Amino acid sequence: MKKLAICIPSYNRAKLLNRLLNSIPKIDDIVVSICDDGSNDNTIQIVKNHQSRLSINYTYQKNRGRAAALRKSILNIDAQFFMIMDSDDYFEKNGVDLIYKFVNSNPSINFFVFPTRIIKNFKSKVISLSGIPQTNYISLRSDYKIKEDLHEVIHHKLLFDVLYEDPKNIRRIPTSYLWFKASELTKCLPIDCLPVKVKEYFDDGMSANLLPLKVKYPEYMVLKYKTAIRSKEYKSLIYRLKNTILFYRYSFHNKTLKLLQFKDIPFLIIGYIYGFLDFLRIKIFFKNN
């Protein structure tokens, strides 16, 4: 069994996938799992160009969406620890080496979180985890106010405990759903080091068109926020109230809007209003959706 698996769902991002694969060093203890979600560009040729240097497991499937592609990239590989990279991400120069070093030097830890560099609108920002102790993942996001993308590395047993079933017709499931579910089972170890990967946002990427996807596929948004509001592992009242509103907001889209407890009535109303406004925003700003 390899030490690290890098799981990559990809769709028509050959040029960016090539950049990502170039950023992965040749280490015998690392395997790359790519699920091609029905690309019609030269993705397969890009993969072939790297197979002499990297251990790559490549799978092609009919286009079903990122959720199914990610799940298949995970199930098609065997390793002790897993990490997820979108095809428009890439590793910093020594990023993989740092991950490999910290995973090997902390054998009792099954959930790591590493800092990242975010590039958006041509501006770069480093997300630091300095001074944060081992903690619950939701507490990391709420009590320590870390909002941006991080890089999670998780033990295979823990990942398979929280991995969603075949999503069938659900094309998008937030990756954070996995980390929120993992937070119910264990703490994570934030690593104080240089950023290990770069997360770059593009105008044609999924993040730029996220609202219509959230509204169309709300089921796991509801489950994510339900996990957050039931958790006792974080202190932030503001974050808890925000999660409660988001739970009702996406319950509205999921057609499962139901009051959990009497004191939630104002949050249900606010969530309902946000849900209604989502439809207006999509109609105005996302005319092609």
Foldseek 3Di string as FASTA:
>chain_A
DAAEEEFEEAAQPQVLLLQALVQDAQDPRYEYFYEYQQHPDVNVVSVVVCVVRHHYHYHYDHHQADLQRRVCSLVVDDHFKYWYDYSNKHWDNCLVVVVVVVCVVCVVAFKEKEWAWEAEPNDIDTQFPPPPAFAQPVQCCAVVVRPDDIIMMGGSVLQVVQRDDNPGNQRDADPVLSSLVSSVPGTYGYDGDGHTMYDYDDCPDCVVVPLVSCLQRVPNVLVSLVSVLPDPRHDHPVVNLVSLLSNLLSCVSVVNRDDPDPVCVVSNVSSVVVNVVSVVCCVVPVVVD
